Amino acid sequence: MKKVLFIIAISILFGCKNTSTESGKLQVVTTTTMITDLVQNIGGNLIEVNGLMGAGVDPHLYKASEGDVSKLYNADIIFYNGLHLEGKLVEVFEKMNLKDQSTISLGGYLDTKQLIGSDYFASNYDPHVWFNIQFFKEFSNKVTNILSEKDPKNAAQFIENEKVYIKKLEALETEISSIIEKLPTEKRILVTAHDAFNYFGKQYGFQVVGLQGLSTATEAGVQDVQKLSTFIIENNVKAIFIESSVPQRTIEALQASVISKGHEVSIGGSLYSDALGSTGTIEGTYIGMFQYNVNTIVNALQ
């Protein structure tokens, strides 16, 4: 009943939306922390950004709160990942259907031929596309185009900001490749809480194995733990990883299962998968998150 009333409230509010604001700046709402960071880099102080999700928040399970209604109501543009990453928000976005508002699924603009398919996920594609830096560059371009269309007087600055950010992403690609080259190919086996790193693995030659599926809504069972523990032993995996947005008990259970079979495996650290770190930290940026993850993975598996 509460869900129905919430959707009705959104419909009523958006039906009489007034986009004027005191600042005169574009009001932009973003979902995940990765997209929030991206939009802030492109928009700078020329726009006002409200991110729905914070550090450590799992987008697979995130539900819109009543407090989110005002953010959505006041938005001129809403950027979200799409590909059913924000599964609980899909219905909200579909109900909005506003004439004067842009609701942009960034993942929806990617070439599906380049995406990793899945028979076990609602969209049939792995939604964790930000772990391919090239895709994130495409996100940057789309955000720049949309902001420029909505605010043409500041288009030149948006374009300039994108150029600066793309150069940073290109430098990140070079740095990441350099670090990963230090890790022998046979040691590139990445075991994590859920399947968030497939694009990363494809790009950098890692075999990626997640205890849970693509969505954290899928629970790992005893058989999953036993099967993966056997895999770890057979492949002499040195370390496994927890994730900042997923409860660590599943990986701890996996470690215990491996140890019970007479094999040692350490927890190599906590990786940022579906959310960035805390605001104001290096890991609270997309670039800093990527650097931290790669250094953590390589150091633990060497």
Foldseek 3Di string as FASTA:
>chain_A
DVVVVLLVVLLVLLVPFDQDDPVRAAQEEEEFLAVQQLLCLLCPPRHHYHYPDFFLAQLLPDADDPVCSVSVRNHQEYEYQDLCSNVNCVVSVVSNPHPRHYYYHLNVPDDCVPFDADPPGPSRTQSLPVLQLVSVLSSLVVSLVVSCVVPVVCSVSSVVSSVVVVVVSVVLVVVLLVLLVVADLLLQEAEEQEPQCPNNCVVRVHNYHHLAYSRPVGDRDPVSLLVVLVVCVVSVHAEYEYESNHDCVVVVSSQVNNVVVPHHHYHLYYAHGRHFHHPPDLSSHSSSRSVVRSVSSRVRRD
